[in-house]
Amino acid sequence: MSFADWWRKRRARKKSMSPEAKASREAGIVARVDMVRLEALGEAAYEAMCEARLAGAKHRYEEAKLHFDRAVEAARRARLPQEVERLTRRRDQVVRIYNSQFRYSGGG
């Protein structure tokens, strides 16, 4: 099969998709984009938490946890169970780090 044949078949398949299938596919793409964006925001907040003084760490921790929670929900919407597990583990790791380094040191 040539590239041109493959492309024609692909375009024909896209045109034959129902509006519901197109909407579902687009929703999955949006959820994936949200997941990546929210994970990046969570990582940025985590880095800020690690660099913050004790008094400012709590706010950054809550921000990081919120972003990771939302990233997990976006992964669920995108039906990506492996990403849900990975992001959940990362969120739990951030929680453990905060609890061990900041919470009982006067930062929480």
PDB file of N, CA and C in Angstrom:
ATOM      1  N   MET A   1       0.848  -1.172   0.000  1.00  0.00           N
ATOM      2  CA  MET A   1       0.000   0.000   0.000  1.00  0.00           C
ATOM      3  C   MET A   1       0.892   1.233   0.000  1.00  0.00           C
ATOM      4  N   SER A   2       0.611   2.143  -0.881  1.00  0.00           N
ATOM      5  CA  SER A   2       1.379   3.380  -0.953  1.00  0.00           C
ATOM      6  C   SER A   2       0.854   4.364   0.088  1.00  0.00           C
ATOM      7  N   PHE A   3       1.607   5.381   0.278  1.00  0.00           N
ATOM      8  CA  PHE A   3       1.204   6.418   1.217  1.00  0.00           C
ATOM      9  C   PHE A   3      -0.076   7.081   0.746  1.00  0.00           C
ATOM     10  N   ALA A   4      -0.202   7.320  -0.546  1.00  0.00           N
ATOM     11  CA  ALA A   4      -1.401   7.963  -1.093  1.00  0.00           C
ATOM     12  C   ALA A   4      -2.644   7.101  -0.827  1.00  0.00           C
ATOM     13  N   ASP A   5      -2.520   5.774  -1.000  1.00  0.00           N
ATOM     14  CA  ASP A   5      -3.653   4.882  -0.717  1.00  0.00           C
ATOM     15  C   ASP A   5      -4.031   4.936   0.758  1.00  0.00           C
ATOM     16  N   TRP A   6      -3.020   4.891   1.610  1.00  0.00           N
ATOM     17  CA  TRP A   6      -3.269   4.958   3.050  1.00  0.00           C
ATOM     18  C   TRP A   6      -3.984   6.254   3.408  1.00  0.00           C
ATOM     19  N   TRP A   7      -3.524   7.354   2.820  1.00  0.00           N
ATOM     20  CA  TRP A   7      -4.100   8.657   3.122  1.00  0.00           C
ATOM     21  C   TRP A   7      -5.560   8.731   2.657  1.00  0.00           C
ATOM     22  N   ARG A   8      -5.861   8.196   1.479  1.00  0.00           N
ATOM     23  CA  ARG A   8      -7.231   8.204   0.987  1.00  0.00           C
ATOM     24  C   ARG A   8      -8.149   7.391   1.906  1.00  0.00           C
ATOM     25  N   LYS A   9      -7.673   6.240   2.350  1.00  0.00           N
ATOM     26  CA  LYS A   9      -8.477   5.424   3.263  1.00  0.00           C
ATOM     27  C   LYS A   9      -8.711   6.142   4.587  1.00  0.00           C
ATOM     28  N   ARG A  10      -7.667   6.796   5.067  1.00  0.00           N
ATOM     29  CA  ARG A  10      -7.783   7.518   6.333  1.00  0.00           C
ATOM     30  C   ARG A  10      -8.797   8.650   6.213  1.00  0.00           C
ATOM     31  N   ARG A  11      -8.745   9.411   5.141  1.00  0.00           N
ATOM     32  CA  ARG A  11      -9.674  10.528   4.950  1.00  0.00           C
ATOM     33  C   ARG A  11     -11.107  10.020   4.796  1.00  0.00           C
ATOM     34  N   ALA A  12     -11.261   8.892   4.104  1.00  0.00           N
ATOM     35  CA  ALA A  12     -12.605   8.325   3.928  1.00  0.00           C
ATOM     36  C   ALA A  12     -13.165   7.870   5.266  1.00  0.00           C
ATOM     37  N   ARG A  13     -12.319   7.287   6.109  1.00  0.00           N
ATOM     38  CA  ARG A  13     -12.751   6.838   7.429  1.00  0.00           C
ATOM     39  C   ARG A  13     -13.154   8.022   8.298  1.00  0.00           C
ATOM     40  N   LYS A  14     -12.383   9.114   8.212  1.00  0.00           N
ATOM     41  CA  LYS A  14     -12.714  10.295   9.005  1.00  0.00           C
ATOM     42  C   LYS A  14     -14.055  10.885   8.586  1.00  0.00           C
ATOM     43  N   LYS A  15     -14.313  10.914   7.274  1.00  0.00           N
ATOM     44  CA  LYS A  15     -15.566  11.486   6.786  1.00  0.00           C
ATOM     45  C   LYS A  15     -16.760  10.634   7.187  1.00  0.00           C
ATOM     46  N   SER A  16     -16.547   9.340   7.330  1.00  0.00           N
ATOM     47  CA  SER A  16     -17.655   8.453   7.647  1.00  0.00           C
ATOM     48  C   SER A  16     -17.944   8.367   9.149  1.00  0.00           C
ATOM     49  N   MET A  17     -17.148   9.046   9.977  1.00  0.00           N
ATOM     50  CA  MET A  17     -17.375   9.002  11.423  1.00  0.00           C
ATOM     51  C   MET A  17     -18.653   9.744  11.784  1.00  0.00           C
ATOM     52  N   SER A  18     -19.374   9.212  12.752  1.00  0.00           N
ATOM     53  CA  SER A  18     -20.587   9.880  13.212  1.00  0.00           C
ATOM     54  C   SER A  18     -20.213  11.121  14.022  1.00  0.00           C
ATOM     55  N   PRO A  19     -21.137  12.051  14.130  1.00  0.00           N
ATOM     56  CA  PRO A  19     -20.854  13.249  14.938  1.00  0.00           C
ATOM     57  C   PRO A  19     -20.524  12.909  16.393  1.00  0.00           C
ATOM     58  N   GLU A  20     -21.166  11.854  16.926  1.00  0.00           N
ATOM     59  CA  GLU A  20     -20.889  11.454  18.311  1.00  0.00           C
ATOM     60  C   GLU A  20     -19.470  10.930  18.446  1.00  0.00           C
ATOM     61  N   ALA A  21     -19.033  10.151  17.446  1.00  0.00           N
ATOM     62  CA  ALA A  21     -17.669   9.612  17.480  1.00  0.00           C
ATOM     63  C   ALA A  21     -16.648  10.730  17.363  1.00  0.00           C
ATOM     64  N   LYS A  22     -16.940  11.710  16.503  1.00  0.00           N
ATOM     65  CA  LYS A  22     -16.025  12.850  16.356  1.00  0.00           C
ATOM     66  C   LYS A  22     -15.950  13.640  17.662  1.00  0.00           C
ATOM     67  N   ALA A  23     -17.111  13.859  18.295  1.00  0.00           N
ATOM     68  CA  ALA A  23     -17.136  14.609  19.554  1.00  0.00           C
ATOM     69  C   ALA A  23     -16.382  13.861  20.639  1.00  0.00           C
ATOM     70  N   SER A  24     -16.558  12.539  20.693  1.00  0.00           N
ATOM     71  CA  SER A  24     -15.851  11.729  21.682  1.00  0.00           C
ATOM     72  C   SER A  24     -14.347  11.776  21.456  1.00  0.00           C
ATOM     73  N   ARG A  25     -13.946  11.681  20.204  1.00  0.00           N
ATOM     74  CA  ARG A  25     -12.520  11.738  19.871  1.00  0.00           C
ATOM     75  C   ARG A  25     -11.923  13.093  20.252  1.00  0.00           C
ATOM     76  N   GLU A  26     -12.645  14.161  19.926  1.00  0.00           N
ATOM     77  CA  GLU A  26     -12.178  15.502  20.268  1.00  0.00           C
ATOM     78  C   GLU A  26     -12.114  15.704  21.779  1.00  0.00           C
ATOM     79  N   ALA A  27     -13.079  15.160  22.505  1.00  0.00           N
ATOM     80  CA  ALA A  27     -13.075  15.272  23.969  1.00  0.00           C
ATOM     81  C   ALA A  27     -11.859  14.542  24.541  1.00  0.00           C
ATOM     82  N   GLY A  28     -11.505  13.398  23.966  1.00  0.00           N
ATOM     83  CA  GLY A  28     -10.318  12.671  24.411  1.00  0.00           C
ATOM     84  C   GLY A  28      -9.045  13.455  24.179  1.00  0.00           C
ATOM     85  N   ILE A  29      -8.983  14.132  23.034  1.00  0.00           N
ATOM     86  CA  ILE A  29      -7.805  14.946  22.726  1.00  0.00           C
ATOM     87  C   ILE A  29      -7.712  16.116  23.696  1.00  0.00           C
ATOM     88  N   VAL A  30      -8.833  16.767  23.946  1.00  0.00           N
ATOM     89  CA  VAL A  30      -8.852  17.896  24.893  1.00  0.00           C
ATOM     90  C   VAL A  30      -8.427  17.428  26.278  1.00  0.00           C
ATOM     91  N   ALA A  31      -8.911  16.263  26.692  1.00  0.00           N
ATOM     92  CA  ALA A  31      -8.554  15.730  28.008  1.00  0.00           C
ATOM     93  C   ALA A  31      -7.059  15.437  28.086  1.00  0.00           C
ATOM     94  N   ARG A  32      -6.476  14.918  27.012  1.00  0.00           N
ATOM     95  CA  ARG A  32      -5.029  14.653  27.000  1.00  0.00           C
ATOM     96  C   ARG A  32      -4.233  15.943  27.114  1.00  0.00           C
ATOM     97  N   VAL A  33      -4.664  16.967  26.385  1.00  0.00           N
ATOM     98  CA  VAL A  33      -3.981  18.265  26.452  1.00  0.00           C
ATOM     99  C   VAL A  33      -4.079  18.832  27.864  1.00  0.00           C
ATOM    100  N   ASP A  34      -5.268  18.749  28.460  1.00  0.00           N
ATOM    101  CA  ASP A  34      -5.453  19.209  29.843  1.00  0.00           C
ATOM    102  C   ASP A  34      -4.528  18.445  30.786  1.00  0.00           C
ATOM    103  N   MET A  35      -4.439  17.142  30.602  1.00  0.00           N
ATOM    104  CA  MET A  35      -3.614  16.306  31.474  1.00  0.00           C
ATOM    105  C   MET A  35      -2.151  16.762  31.422  1.00  0.00           C
ATOM    106  N   VAL A  36      -1.634  16.965  30.220  1.00  0.00           N
ATOM    107  CA  VAL A  36      -0.235  17.377  30.072  1.00  0.00           C
ATOM    108  C   VAL A  36      -0.010  18.752  30.686  1.00  0.00           C
ATOM    109  N   ARG A  37      -0.938  19.683  30.427  1.00  0.00           N
ATOM    110  CA  ARG A  37      -0.809  21.044  30.965  1.00  0.00           C
ATOM    111  C   ARG A  37      -0.858  21.033  32.486  1.00  0.00           C
ATOM    112  N   LEU A  38      -1.803  20.302  33.046  1.00  0.00           N
ATOM    113  CA  LEU A  38      -1.953  20.266  34.500  1.00  0.00           C
ATOM    114  C   LEU A  38      -0.783  19.560  35.172  1.00  0.00           C
ATOM    115  N   GLU A  39      -0.249  18.532  34.535  1.00  0.00           N
ATOM    116  CA  GLU A  39       0.927  17.874  35.093  1.00  0.00           C
ATOM    117  C   GLU A  39       2.107  18.846  35.134  1.00  0.00           C
ATOM    118  N   ALA A  40       2.283  19.613  34.071  1.00  0.00           N
ATOM    119  CA  ALA A  40       3.376  20.595  34.035  1.00  0.00           C
ATOM    120  C   ALA A  40       3.196  21.651  35.122  1.00  0.00           C
ATOM    121  N   LEU A  41       1.975  22.106  35.326  1.00  0.00           N
ATOM    122  CA  LEU A  41       1.711  23.076  36.397  1.00  0.00           C
ATOM    123  C   LEU A  41       1.976  22.461  37.770  1.00  0.00           C
ATOM    124  N   GLY A  42       1.609  21.202  37.939  1.00  0.00           N
ATOM    125  CA  GLY A  42       1.872  20.509  39.198  1.00  0.00           C
ATOM    126  C   GLY A  42       3.362  20.378  39.475  1.00  0.00           C
ATOM    127  N   GLU A  43       4.121  20.037  38.443  1.00  0.00           N
ATOM    128  CA  GLU A  43       5.572  19.925  38.607  1.00  0.00           C
ATOM    129  C   GLU A  43       6.197  21.273  38.930  1.00  0.00           C
ATOM    130  N   ALA A  44       5.700  22.336  38.278  1.00  0.00           N
ATOM    131  CA  ALA A  44       6.221  23.680  38.563  1.00  0.00           C
ATOM    132  C   ALA A  44       5.919  24.083  40.005  1.00  0.00           C
ATOM    133  N   ALA A  45       4.726  23.785  40.483  1.00  0.00           N
ATOM    134  CA  ALA A  45       4.369  24.103  41.870  1.00  0.00           C
ATOM    135  C   ALA A  45       5.205  23.273  42.839  1.00  0.00           C
ATOM    136  N   TYR A  46       5.470  22.033  42.483  1.00  0.00           N
ATOM    137  CA  TYR A  46       6.316  21.174  43.330  1.00  0.00           C
ATOM    138  C   TYR A  46       7.726  21.757  43.426  1.00  0.00           C
ATOM    139  N   GLU A  47       8.282  22.179  42.304  1.00  0.00           N
ATOM    140  CA  GLU A  47       9.617  22.792  42.322  1.00  0.00           C
ATOM    141  C   GLU A  47       9.623  24.049  43.179  1.00  0.00           C
ATOM    142  N   ALA A  48       8.567  24.850  43.053  1.00  0.00           N
ATOM    143  CA  ALA A  48       8.472  26.062  43.879  1.00  0.00           C
ATOM    144  C   ALA A  48       8.356  25.703  45.356  1.00  0.00           C
ATOM    145  N   MET A  49       7.643  24.616  45.649  1.00  0.00           N
ATOM    146  CA  MET A  49       7.511  24.165  47.043  1.00  0.00           C
ATOM    147  C   MET A  49       8.886  23.798  47.604  1.00  0.00           C
ATOM    148  N   CYS A  50       9.667  23.078  46.812  1.00  0.00           N
ATOM    149  CA  CYS A  50      10.989  22.649  47.282  1.00  0.00           C
ATOM    150  C   CYS A  50      11.925  23.828  47.507  1.00  0.00           C
ATOM    151  N   GLU A  51      11.736  24.899  46.749  1.00  0.00           N
ATOM    152  CA  GLU A  51      12.607  26.071  46.877  1.00  0.00           C
ATOM    153  C   GLU A  51      12.069  27.100  47.869  1.00  0.00           C
ATOM    154  N   ALA A  52      10.845  26.921  48.321  1.00  0.00           N
ATOM    155  CA  ALA A  52      10.213  27.899  49.207  1.00  0.00           C
ATOM    156  C   ALA A  52      10.731  27.764  50.630  1.00  0.00           C
ATOM    157  N   ARG A  53      10.586  28.835  51.341  1.00  0.00           N
ATOM    158  CA  ARG A  53      10.841  28.780  52.777  1.00  0.00           C
ATOM    159  C   ARG A  53       9.681  28.024  53.413  1.00  0.00           C
ATOM    160  N   LEU A  54       9.847  27.653  54.644  1.00  0.00           N
ATOM    161  CA  LEU A  54       8.829  26.845  55.309  1.00  0.00           C
ATOM    162  C   LEU A  54       7.441  27.477  55.257  1.00  0.00           C
ATOM    163  N   ALA A  55       7.353  28.785  55.451  1.00  0.00           N
ATOM    164  CA  ALA A  55       6.053  29.443  55.498  1.00  0.00           C
ATOM    165  C   ALA A  55       5.348  29.412  54.144  1.00  0.00           C
ATOM    166  N   GLY A  56       6.084  29.428  53.039  1.00  0.00           N
ATOM    167  CA  GLY A  56       5.466  29.447  51.713  1.00  0.00           C
ATOM    168  C   GLY A  56       5.269  28.084  51.098  1.00  0.00           C
ATOM    169  N   ALA A  57       5.791  27.061  51.733  1.00  0.00           N
ATOM    170  CA  ALA A  57       5.736  25.719  51.154  1.00  0.00           C
ATOM    171  C   ALA A  57       4.319  25.158  51.149  1.00  0.00           C
ATOM    172  N   LYS A  58       3.532  25.487  52.148  1.00  0.00           N
ATOM    173  CA  LYS A  58       2.191  24.918  52.245  1.00  0.00           C
ATOM    174  C   LYS A  58       1.325  25.332  51.061  1.00  0.00           C
ATOM    175  N   HIS A  59       1.376  26.597  50.701  1.00  0.00           N
ATOM    176  CA  HIS A  59       0.585  27.080  49.571  1.00  0.00           C
ATOM    177  C   HIS A  59       1.005  26.381  48.280  1.00  0.00           C
ATOM    178  N   ARG A  60       2.304  26.261  48.069  1.00  0.00           N
ATOM    179  CA  ARG A  60       2.809  25.599  46.854  1.00  0.00           C
ATOM    180  C   ARG A  60       2.442  24.115  46.848  1.00  0.00           C
ATOM    181  N   TYR A  61       2.480  23.491  48.006  1.00  0.00           N
ATOM    182  CA  TYR A  61       2.093  22.087  48.123  1.00  0.00           C
ATOM    183  C   TYR A  61       0.626  21.905  47.731  1.00  0.00           C
ATOM    184  N   GLU A  62      -0.238  22.747  48.277  1.00  0.00           N
ATOM    185  CA  GLU A  62      -1.662  22.647  47.961  1.00  0.00           C
ATOM    186  C   GLU A  62      -1.912  22.879  46.478  1.00  0.00           C
ATOM    187  N   GLU A  63      -1.164  23.810  45.911  1.00  0.00           N
ATOM    188  CA  GLU A  63      -1.277  24.089  44.482  1.00  0.00           C
ATOM    189  C   GLU A  63      -0.827  22.878  43.650  1.00  0.00           C
ATOM    190  N   ALA A  64       0.295  22.281  44.019  1.00  0.00           N
ATOM    191  CA  ALA A  64       0.803  21.109  43.292  1.00  0.00           C
ATOM    192  C   ALA A  64      -0.182  19.949  43.401  1.00  0.00           C
ATOM    193  N   LYS A  65      -0.695  19.718  44.590  1.00  0.00           N
ATOM    194  CA  LYS A  65      -1.630  18.616  44.800  1.00  0.00           C
ATOM    195  C   LYS A  65      -2.903  18.833  43.985  1.00  0.00           C
ATOM    196  N   LEU A  66      -3.400  20.052  43.951  1.00  0.00           N
ATOM    197  CA  LEU A  66      -4.589  20.376  43.176  1.00  0.00           C
ATOM    198  C   LEU A  66      -4.360  20.104  41.685  1.00  0.00           C
ATOM    199  N   HIS A  67      -3.215  20.546  41.171  1.00  0.00           N
ATOM    200  CA  HIS A  67      -2.926  20.332  39.746  1.00  0.00           C
ATOM    201  C   HIS A  67      -2.796  18.850  39.426  1.00  0.00           C
ATOM    202  N   PHE A  68      -2.153  18.093  40.295  1.00  0.00           N
ATOM    203  CA  PHE A  68      -2.038  16.659  40.055  1.00  0.00           C
ATOM    204  C   PHE A  68      -3.401  15.972  40.147  1.00  0.00           C
ATOM    205  N   ASP A  69      -4.241  16.395  41.093  1.00  0.00           N
ATOM    206  CA  ASP A  69      -5.589  15.834  41.178  1.00  0.00           C
ATOM    207  C   ASP A  69      -6.371  16.089  39.892  1.00  0.00           C
ATOM    208  N   ARG A  70      -6.258  17.302  39.381  1.00  0.00           N
ATOM    209  CA  ARG A  70      -6.958  17.630  38.134  1.00  0.00           C
ATOM    210  C   ARG A  70      -6.363  16.882  36.942  1.00  0.00           C
ATOM    211  N   ALA A  71      -5.051  16.675  36.939  1.00  0.00           N
ATOM    212  CA  ALA A  71      -4.417  15.900  35.866  1.00  0.00           C
ATOM    213  C   ALA A  71      -4.908  14.453  35.893  1.00  0.00           C
ATOM    214  N   VAL A  72      -5.082  13.902  37.086  1.00  0.00           N
ATOM    215  CA  VAL A  72      -5.614  12.538  37.219  1.00  0.00           C
ATOM    216  C   VAL A  72      -7.023  12.480  36.637  1.00  0.00           C
ATOM    217  N   GLU A  73      -7.841  13.471  36.939  1.00  0.00           N
ATOM    218  CA  GLU A  73      -9.203  13.496  36.406  1.00  0.00           C
ATOM    219  C   GLU A  73      -9.194  13.628  34.882  1.00  0.00           C
ATOM    220  N   ALA A  74      -8.282  14.419  34.344  1.00  0.00           N
ATOM    221  CA  ALA A  74      -8.179  14.546  32.886  1.00  0.00           C
ATOM    222  C   ALA A  74      -7.756  13.219  32.262  1.00  0.00           C
ATOM    223  N   ALA A  75      -6.861  12.506  32.913  1.00  0.00           N
ATOM    224  CA  ALA A  75      -6.446  11.186  32.406  1.00  0.00           C
ATOM    225  C   ALA A  75      -7.618  10.215  32.450  1.00  0.00           C
ATOM    226  N   ARG A  76      -8.456  10.320  33.461  1.00  0.00           N
ATOM    227  CA  ARG A  76      -9.662   9.471  33.517  1.00  0.00           C
ATOM    228  C   ARG A  76     -10.613   9.801  32.374  1.00  0.00           C
ATOM    229  N   ARG A  77     -10.794  11.102  32.110  1.00  0.00           N
ATOM    230  CA  ARG A  77     -11.661  11.507  31.003  1.00  0.00           C
ATOM    231  C   ARG A  77     -11.131  11.015  29.665  1.00  0.00           C
ATOM    232  N   ALA A  78      -9.800  10.998  29.535  1.00  0.00           N
ATOM    233  CA  ALA A  78      -9.174  10.534  28.296  1.00  0.00           C
ATOM    234  C   ALA A  78      -9.103   9.015  28.223  1.00  0.00           C
ATOM    235  N   ARG A  79      -9.540   8.340  29.289  1.00  0.00           N
ATOM    236  CA  ARG A  79      -9.513   6.870  29.370  1.00  0.00           C
ATOM    237  C   ARG A  79      -8.096   6.331  29.203  1.00  0.00           C
ATOM    238  N   LEU A  80      -7.206   6.870  30.035  1.00  0.00           N
ATOM    239  CA  LEU A  80      -5.800   6.463  30.043  1.00  0.00           C
ATOM    240  C   LEU A  80      -5.449   5.911  31.425  1.00  0.00           C
ATOM    241  N   PRO A  81      -5.773   4.655  31.700  1.00  0.00           N
ATOM    242  CA  PRO A  81      -5.572   4.112  33.055  1.00  0.00           C
ATOM    243  C   PRO A  81      -4.110   4.093  33.497  1.00  0.00           C
ATOM    244  N   GLN A  82      -3.180   3.899  32.591  1.00  0.00           N
ATOM    245  CA  GLN A  82      -1.766   3.903  32.977  1.00  0.00           C
ATOM    246  C   GLN A  82      -1.331   5.296  33.409  1.00  0.00           C
ATOM    247  N   GLU A  83      -1.843   6.307  32.738  1.00  0.00           N
ATOM    248  CA  GLU A  83      -1.522   7.680  33.132  1.00  0.00           C
ATOM    249  C   GLU A  83      -2.173   8.020  34.469  1.00  0.00           C
ATOM    250  N   VAL A  84      -3.371   7.510  34.709  1.00  0.00           N
ATOM    251  CA  VAL A  84      -4.036   7.725  36.000  1.00  0.00           C
ATOM    252  C   VAL A  84      -3.156   7.168  37.114  1.00  0.00           C
ATOM    253  N   GLU A  85      -2.659   5.961  36.930  1.00  0.00           N
ATOM    254  CA  GLU A  85      -1.792   5.339  37.941  1.00  0.00           C
ATOM    255  C   GLU A  85      -0.505   6.133  38.127  1.00  0.00           C
ATOM    256  N   ARG A  86       0.129   6.517  37.020  1.00  0.00           N
ATOM    257  CA  ARG A  86       1.400   7.242  37.101  1.00  0.00           C
ATOM    258  C   ARG A  86       1.222   8.584  37.808  1.00  0.00           C
ATOM    259  N   LEU A  87       0.181   9.328  37.429  1.00  0.00           N
ATOM    260  CA  LEU A  87      -0.052  10.640  38.040  1.00  0.00           C
ATOM    261  C   LEU A  87      -0.465  10.512  39.505  1.00  0.00           C
ATOM    262  N   THR A  88      -1.207   9.474  39.830  1.00  0.00           N
ATOM    263  CA  THR A  88      -1.577   9.240  41.222  1.00  0.00           C
ATOM    264  C   THR A  88      -0.341   8.942  42.062  1.00  0.00           C
ATOM    265  N   ARG A  89       0.550   8.116  41.543  1.00  0.00           N
ATOM    266  CA  ARG A  89       1.802   7.830  42.263  1.00  0.00           C
ATOM    267  C   ARG A  89       2.632   9.097  42.451  1.00  0.00           C
ATOM    268  N   ARG A  90       2.688   9.943  41.423  1.00  0.00           N
ATOM    269  CA  ARG A  90       3.465  11.186  41.533  1.00  0.00           C
ATOM    270  C   ARG A  90       2.843  12.117  42.562  1.00  0.00           C
ATOM    271  N   ARG A  91       1.513  12.229  42.557  1.00  0.00           N
ATOM    272  CA  ARG A  91       0.839  13.069  43.555  1.00  0.00           C
ATOM    273  C   ARG A  91       1.117  12.561  44.958  1.00  0.00           C
ATOM    274  N   ASP A  92       1.038  11.246  45.139  1.00  0.00           N
ATOM    275  CA  ASP A  92       1.306  10.657  46.451  1.00  0.00           C
ATOM    276  C   ASP A  92       2.751  10.887  46.881  1.00  0.00           C
ATOM    277  N   GLN A  93       3.660  10.871  45.919  1.00  0.00           N
ATOM    278  CA  GLN A  93       5.063  11.139  46.230  1.00  0.00           C
ATOM    279  C   GLN A  93       5.245  12.588  46.698  1.00  0.00           C
ATOM    280  N   VAL A  94       4.575  13.522  46.033  1.00  0.00           N
ATOM    281  CA  VAL A  94       4.645  14.930  46.445  1.00  0.00           C
ATOM    282  C   VAL A  94       4.100  15.077  47.866  1.00  0.00           C
ATOM    283  N   VAL A  95       3.007  14.387  48.171  1.00  0.00           N
ATOM    284  CA  VAL A  95       2.422  14.437  49.514  1.00  0.00           C
ATOM    285  C   VAL A  95       3.426  13.902  50.545  1.00  0.00           C
ATOM    286  N   ARG A  96       4.058  12.761  50.244  1.00  0.00           N
ATOM    287  CA  ARG A  96       5.031  12.190  51.182  1.00  0.00           C
ATOM    288  C   ARG A  96       6.214  13.132  51.392  1.00  0.00           C
ATOM    289  N   ILE A  97       6.686  13.741  50.328  1.00  0.00           N
ATOM    290  CA  ILE A  97       7.827  14.657  50.459  1.00  0.00           C
ATOM    291  C   ILE A  97       7.440  15.863  51.305  1.00  0.00           C
ATOM    292  N   TYR A  98       6.262  16.431  51.062  1.00  0.00           N
ATOM    293  CA  TYR A  98       5.825  17.571  51.861  1.00  0.00           C
ATOM    294  C   TYR A  98       5.712  17.177  53.332  1.00  0.00           C
ATOM    295  N   ASN A  99       5.074  16.040  53.594  1.00  0.00           N
ATOM    296  CA  ASN A  99       4.888  15.604  54.974  1.00  0.00           C
ATOM    297  C   ASN A  99       6.213  15.349  55.676  1.00  0.00           C
ATOM    298  N   SER A 100       7.178  14.808  54.971  1.00  0.00           N
ATOM    299  CA  SER A 100       8.451  14.485  55.622  1.00  0.00           C
ATOM    300  C   SER A 100       9.367  15.692  55.766  1.00  0.00           C
ATOM    301  N   GLN A 101       9.280  16.657  54.864  1.00  0.00           N
ATOM    302  CA  GLN A 101      10.234  17.763  54.886  1.00  0.00           C
ATOM    303  C   GLN A 101       9.664  19.076  55.401  1.00  0.00           C
ATOM    304  N   PHE A 102       8.361  19.283  55.264  1.00  0.00           N
ATOM    305  CA  PHE A 102       7.819  20.595  55.595  1.00  0.00           C
ATOM    306  C   PHE A 102       6.745  20.570  56.673  1.00  0.00           C
ATOM    307  N   ARG A 103       5.852  19.634  56.607  1.00  0.00           N
ATOM    308  CA  ARG A 103       4.676  19.664  57.477  1.00  0.00           C
ATOM    309  C   ARG A 103       5.029  19.682  58.957  1.00  0.00           C
ATOM    310  N   TYR A 104       5.914  18.839  59.368  1.00  0.00           N
ATOM    311  CA  TYR A 104       6.264  18.749  60.786  1.00  0.00           C
ATOM    312  C   TYR A 104       7.471  19.591  61.155  1.00  0.00           C
ATOM    313  N   SER A 105       7.875  20.450  60.186  1.00  0.00           N
ATOM    314  CA  SER A 105       9.006  21.341  60.430  1.00  0.00           C
ATOM    315  C   SER A 105       8.553  22.785  60.595  1.00  0.00           C
ATOM    316  N   GLY A 106       7.263  22.980  60.760  1.00  0.00           N
ATOM    317  CA  GLY A 106       6.749  24.321  60.932  1.00  0.00           C
ATOM    318  C   GLY A 106       6.170  24.900  59.667  1.00  0.00           C
ATOM    319  N   GLY A 107       6.145  24.137  58.561  1.00  0.00           N
ATOM    320  CA  GLY A 107       5.605  24.660  57.301  1.00  0.00           C
ATOM    321  C   GLY A 107       4.143  24.351  57.106  1.00  0.00           C
ATOM    322  N   GLY A 108       3.493  23.643  57.991  1.00  0.00           N
ATOM    323  CA  GLY A 108       2.088  23.280  57.781  1.00  0.00           C
ATOM    324  C   GLY A 108       1.319  23.415  58.971  1.00  0.00           C
TER     325      GLY A 108
END
